[in-house]
Amino acid sequence: MSAHDVVIYTTRICPYCVAAKRLFDSKKVSYKEIRVDTEADLRQEMMRKSGRQTVPQIWIGDTHVGGCDDLMALERAKKLDGMLGI
């Protein structure tokens, strides 16, 4: 994973997942989406890596950003673009 790769663990019906993806889309930042609602193994992987059970769980490179609220806080603080290298 390079420094700016984005990974998002999501479920299909999660409005917070949609909001996080929309923010990345608006910045023209690609991301790898991992759906955890269809495979229990993937949800377990997400929980093990993040220590959290809720979606979305977002990583930028090796940095665990957290969920949608955490992502939006980075955006409001004008720190997200720097993390994304844009």
N, C-alpha and C. Protein backbone atom coordinates (compact mmCIF):
# COMPACT_ATOMS: atom_id res chain seq x y z
N MET A 1 0.85 -1.18 0.00
CA MET A 1 0.00 0.00 0.00
C MET A 1 0.89 1.24 0.00
N SER A 2 0.66 2.14 -0.93
CA SER A 2 1.44 3.36 -0.95
C SER A 2 0.90 4.34 0.09
N ALA A 3 1.61 5.42 0.29
CA ALA A 3 1.27 6.36 1.37
C ALA A 3 -0.12 6.95 1.22
N HIS A 4 -0.64 7.03 0.00
CA HIS A 4 -1.90 7.72 -0.20
C HIS A 4 -3.04 6.80 -0.64
N ASP A 5 -2.83 5.49 -0.63
CA ASP A 5 -3.91 4.57 -0.99
C ASP A 5 -5.02 4.67 0.05
N VAL A 6 -6.26 4.68 -0.43
CA VAL A 6 -7.41 4.79 0.45
C VAL A 6 -8.18 3.48 0.42
N VAL A 7 -8.49 2.95 1.60
CA VAL A 7 -9.30 1.74 1.74
C VAL A 7 -10.47 2.08 2.65
N ILE A 8 -11.68 1.68 2.19
CA ILE A 8 -12.89 1.93 2.97
C ILE A 8 -13.65 0.62 3.14
N TYR A 9 -13.87 0.24 4.38
CA TYR A 9 -14.74 -0.90 4.69
C TYR A 9 -16.16 -0.35 4.78
N THR A 10 -17.09 -0.95 4.04
CA THR A 10 -18.45 -0.42 3.94
C THR A 10 -19.50 -1.52 4.00
N THR A 11 -20.75 -1.07 4.08
CA THR A 11 -21.90 -1.93 3.82
C THR A 11 -22.76 -1.21 2.78
N ARG A 12 -23.64 -1.94 2.14
CA ARG A 12 -24.44 -1.40 1.04
C ARG A 12 -25.39 -0.30 1.49
N ILE A 13 -26.00 -0.43 2.66
CA ILE A 13 -27.07 0.49 3.04
C ILE A 13 -26.62 1.58 4.02
N CYS A 14 -25.35 1.77 4.19
CA CYS A 14 -24.82 2.72 5.17
C CYS A 14 -24.72 4.13 4.59
N PRO A 15 -25.51 5.08 5.11
CA PRO A 15 -25.44 6.45 4.59
C PRO A 15 -24.10 7.13 4.88
N TYR A 16 -23.44 6.74 5.95
CA TYR A 16 -22.14 7.33 6.27
C TYR A 16 -21.07 6.84 5.29
N CYS A 17 -21.21 5.61 4.84
CA CYS A 17 -20.30 5.07 3.83
C CYS A 17 -20.47 5.86 2.53
N VAL A 18 -21.71 6.11 2.15
CA VAL A 18 -22.00 6.87 0.94
C VAL A 18 -21.40 8.28 1.05
N ALA A 19 -21.56 8.92 2.21
CA ALA A 19 -21.03 10.27 2.39
C ALA A 19 -19.50 10.29 2.28
N ALA A 20 -18.85 9.31 2.87
CA ALA A 20 -17.38 9.24 2.81
C ALA A 20 -16.93 9.03 1.37
N LYS A 21 -17.58 8.12 0.66
CA LYS A 21 -17.21 7.87 -0.74
C LYS A 21 -17.46 9.11 -1.60
N ARG A 22 -18.54 9.83 -1.33
CA ARG A 22 -18.83 11.06 -2.09
C ARG A 22 -17.73 12.10 -1.89
N LEU A 23 -17.23 12.21 -0.66
CA LEU A 23 -16.16 13.17 -0.41
C LEU A 23 -14.92 12.80 -1.22
N PHE A 24 -14.54 11.52 -1.20
CA PHE A 24 -13.39 11.10 -2.00
C PHE A 24 -13.65 11.31 -3.49
N ASP A 25 -14.86 10.99 -3.94
CA ASP A 25 -15.21 11.19 -5.35
C ASP A 25 -15.10 12.67 -5.73
N SER A 26 -15.56 13.55 -4.86
CA SER A 26 -15.51 14.99 -5.15
C SER A 26 -14.07 15.49 -5.28
N LYS A 27 -13.16 14.79 -4.62
CA LYS A 27 -11.74 15.14 -4.70
C LYS A 27 -11.01 14.35 -5.79
N LYS A 28 -11.78 13.52 -6.51
CA LYS A 28 -11.22 12.67 -7.57
C LYS A 28 -10.12 11.75 -7.03
N VAL A 29 -10.38 11.23 -5.82
CA VAL A 29 -9.46 10.30 -5.17
C VAL A 29 -10.07 8.90 -5.28
N SER A 30 -9.31 7.99 -5.84
CA SER A 30 -9.81 6.61 -5.95
C SER A 30 -9.62 5.90 -4.61
N TYR A 31 -10.41 4.87 -4.41
CA TYR A 31 -10.35 4.12 -3.16
C TYR A 31 -10.71 2.67 -3.44
N LYS A 32 -10.25 1.82 -2.55
CA LYS A 32 -10.62 0.41 -2.60
C LYS A 32 -11.74 0.22 -1.59
N GLU A 33 -12.89 -0.23 -2.07
CA GLU A 33 -14.03 -0.46 -1.18
C GLU A 33 -14.10 -1.94 -0.85
N ILE A 34 -14.19 -2.23 0.44
CA ILE A 34 -14.31 -3.61 0.90
C ILE A 34 -15.66 -3.72 1.60
N ARG A 35 -16.58 -4.46 0.97
CA ARG A 35 -17.93 -4.62 1.52
C ARG A 35 -17.93 -5.71 2.59
N VAL A 36 -18.35 -5.36 3.79
CA VAL A 36 -18.32 -6.31 4.89
C VAL A 36 -19.69 -6.90 5.19
N ASP A 37 -20.73 -6.47 4.45
CA ASP A 37 -22.07 -6.98 4.73
C ASP A 37 -22.35 -8.32 4.07
N THR A 38 -21.48 -8.76 3.21
CA THR A 38 -21.70 -10.04 2.52
C THR A 38 -20.76 -11.14 2.99
N GLU A 39 -19.66 -10.77 3.65
CA GLU A 39 -18.70 -11.77 4.09
C GLU A 39 -18.27 -11.50 5.54
N ALA A 40 -18.62 -12.39 6.42
CA ALA A 40 -18.29 -12.24 7.84
C ALA A 40 -16.78 -12.15 8.06
N ASP A 41 -16.01 -12.85 7.25
CA ASP A 41 -14.55 -12.81 7.40
C ASP A 41 -14.01 -11.40 7.22
N LEU A 42 -14.58 -10.66 6.27
CA LEU A 42 -14.12 -9.30 6.01
C LEU A 42 -14.49 -8.38 7.17
N ARG A 43 -15.67 -8.57 7.75
CA ARG A 43 -16.06 -7.76 8.92
C ARG A 43 -15.11 -8.05 10.08
N GLN A 44 -14.77 -9.32 10.28
CA GLN A 44 -13.83 -9.68 11.35
C GLN A 44 -12.47 -9.04 11.10
N GLU A 45 -12.01 -9.03 9.85
CA GLU A 45 -10.75 -8.40 9.49
C GLU A 45 -10.79 -6.90 9.83
N MET A 46 -11.90 -6.24 9.45
CA MET A 46 -12.06 -4.81 9.74
C MET A 46 -12.02 -4.56 11.24
N MET A 47 -12.73 -5.35 12.00
CA MET A 47 -12.79 -5.18 13.45
C MET A 47 -11.43 -5.42 14.09
N ARG A 48 -10.71 -6.40 13.61
CA ARG A 48 -9.38 -6.71 14.13
C ARG A 48 -8.43 -5.54 13.85
N LYS A 49 -8.47 -5.00 12.63
CA LYS A 49 -7.57 -3.93 12.24
C LYS A 49 -7.91 -2.60 12.89
N SER A 50 -9.21 -2.32 13.04
CA SER A 50 -9.63 -0.99 13.51
C SER A 50 -9.97 -0.94 15.00
N GLY A 51 -10.33 -2.08 15.56
CA GLY A 51 -10.82 -2.09 16.94
C GLY A 51 -12.24 -1.57 17.04
N ARG A 52 -12.90 -1.40 15.91
CA ARG A 52 -14.26 -0.87 15.88
C ARG A 52 -15.18 -1.81 15.10
N GLN A 53 -16.48 -1.71 15.39
CA GLN A 53 -17.45 -2.58 14.72
C GLN A 53 -18.27 -1.84 13.66
N THR A 54 -18.22 -0.51 13.67
CA THR A 54 -19.07 0.28 12.79
C THR A 54 -18.40 0.56 11.45
N VAL A 55 -19.24 0.83 10.46
CA VAL A 55 -18.75 1.23 9.14
C VAL A 55 -19.19 2.66 8.89
N PRO A 56 -18.45 3.37 8.05
CA PRO A 56 -17.23 2.93 7.38
C PRO A 56 -16.04 2.97 8.33
N GLN A 57 -15.04 2.21 7.99
CA GLN A 57 -13.72 2.33 8.59
C GLN A 57 -12.77 2.66 7.44
N ILE A 58 -12.00 3.71 7.61
CA ILE A 58 -11.24 4.29 6.51
C ILE A 58 -9.76 4.33 6.87
N TRP A 59 -8.94 3.92 5.90
CA TRP A 59 -7.49 4.04 6.01
C TRP A 59 -6.99 4.88 4.86
N ILE A 60 -6.03 5.74 5.14
CA ILE A 60 -5.26 6.44 4.11
C ILE A 60 -3.83 5.98 4.31
N GLY A 61 -3.36 5.20 3.35
CA GLY A 61 -2.07 4.55 3.55
C GLY A 61 -2.16 3.63 4.75
N ASP A 62 -1.20 3.74 5.64
CA ASP A 62 -1.19 2.91 6.85
C ASP A 62 -1.90 3.57 8.02
N THR A 63 -2.45 4.77 7.80
CA THR A 63 -3.10 5.52 8.87
C THR A 63 -4.58 5.21 8.93
N HIS A 64 -5.04 4.74 10.09
CA HIS A 64 -6.46 4.50 10.29
C HIS A 64 -7.10 5.83 10.63
N VAL A 65 -7.92 6.33 9.71
CA VAL A 65 -8.60 7.62 9.89
C VAL A 65 -9.75 7.46 10.87
N GLY A 66 -10.45 6.34 10.78
CA GLY A 66 -11.64 6.09 11.60
C GLY A 66 -12.86 6.04 10.71
N GLY A 67 -13.96 6.62 11.21
CA GLY A 67 -15.21 6.59 10.47
C GLY A 67 -15.48 7.87 9.71
N CYS A 68 -16.72 8.02 9.27
CA CYS A 68 -17.11 9.18 8.48
C CYS A 68 -16.96 10.48 9.26
N ASP A 69 -17.36 10.51 10.52
CA ASP A 69 -17.22 11.73 11.32
C ASP A 69 -15.76 12.14 11.44
N ASP A 70 -14.88 11.17 11.61
CA ASP A 70 -13.45 11.45 11.70
C ASP A 70 -12.93 12.02 10.38
N LEU A 71 -13.39 11.44 9.27
CA LEU A 71 -12.99 11.91 7.94
C LEU A 71 -13.44 13.35 7.72
N MET A 72 -14.69 13.64 8.06
CA MET A 72 -15.23 14.99 7.87
C MET A 72 -14.51 16.00 8.78
N ALA A 73 -14.11 15.56 9.97
CA ALA A 73 -13.36 16.45 10.86
C ALA A 73 -12.01 16.80 10.25
N LEU A 74 -11.35 15.84 9.62
CA LEU A 74 -10.08 16.11 8.93
C LEU A 74 -10.30 17.10 7.79
N GLU A 75 -11.40 16.94 7.07
CA GLU A 75 -11.71 17.86 5.97
C GLU A 75 -11.95 19.27 6.51
N ARG A 76 -12.74 19.39 7.56
CA ARG A 76 -13.02 20.72 8.15
C ARG A 76 -11.74 21.38 8.67
N ALA A 77 -10.83 20.57 9.20
CA ALA A 77 -9.57 21.08 9.74
C ALA A 77 -8.53 21.34 8.63
N LYS A 78 -8.93 21.10 7.38
CA LYS A 78 -8.06 21.31 6.21
C LYS A 78 -6.80 20.42 6.28
N LYS A 79 -6.96 19.21 6.84
CA LYS A 79 -5.82 18.28 6.94
C LYS A 79 -5.95 17.12 5.96
N LEU A 80 -7.14 16.91 5.41
CA LEU A 80 -7.36 15.74 4.57
C LEU A 80 -6.55 15.78 3.28
N ASP A 81 -6.54 16.91 2.59
CA ASP A 81 -5.82 17.00 1.31
C ASP A 81 -4.35 16.65 1.49
N GLY A 82 -3.75 17.12 2.57
CA GLY A 82 -2.35 16.80 2.82
C GLY A 82 -2.13 15.32 3.02
N MET A 83 -3.05 14.68 3.73
CA MET A 83 -2.95 13.24 3.93
C MET A 83 -3.08 12.48 2.62
N LEU A 84 -3.91 13.04 1.72
CA LEU A 84 -4.14 12.41 0.42
C LEU A 84 -3.09 12.77 -0.61
N GLY A 85 -2.25 13.73 -0.28
CA GLY A 85 -1.21 14.14 -1.22
C GLY A 85 -1.76 14.95 -2.38
N ILE A 86 -2.83 15.71 -2.12
CA ILE A 86 -3.40 16.57 -3.18
C ILE A 86 -3.40 18.03 -2.76
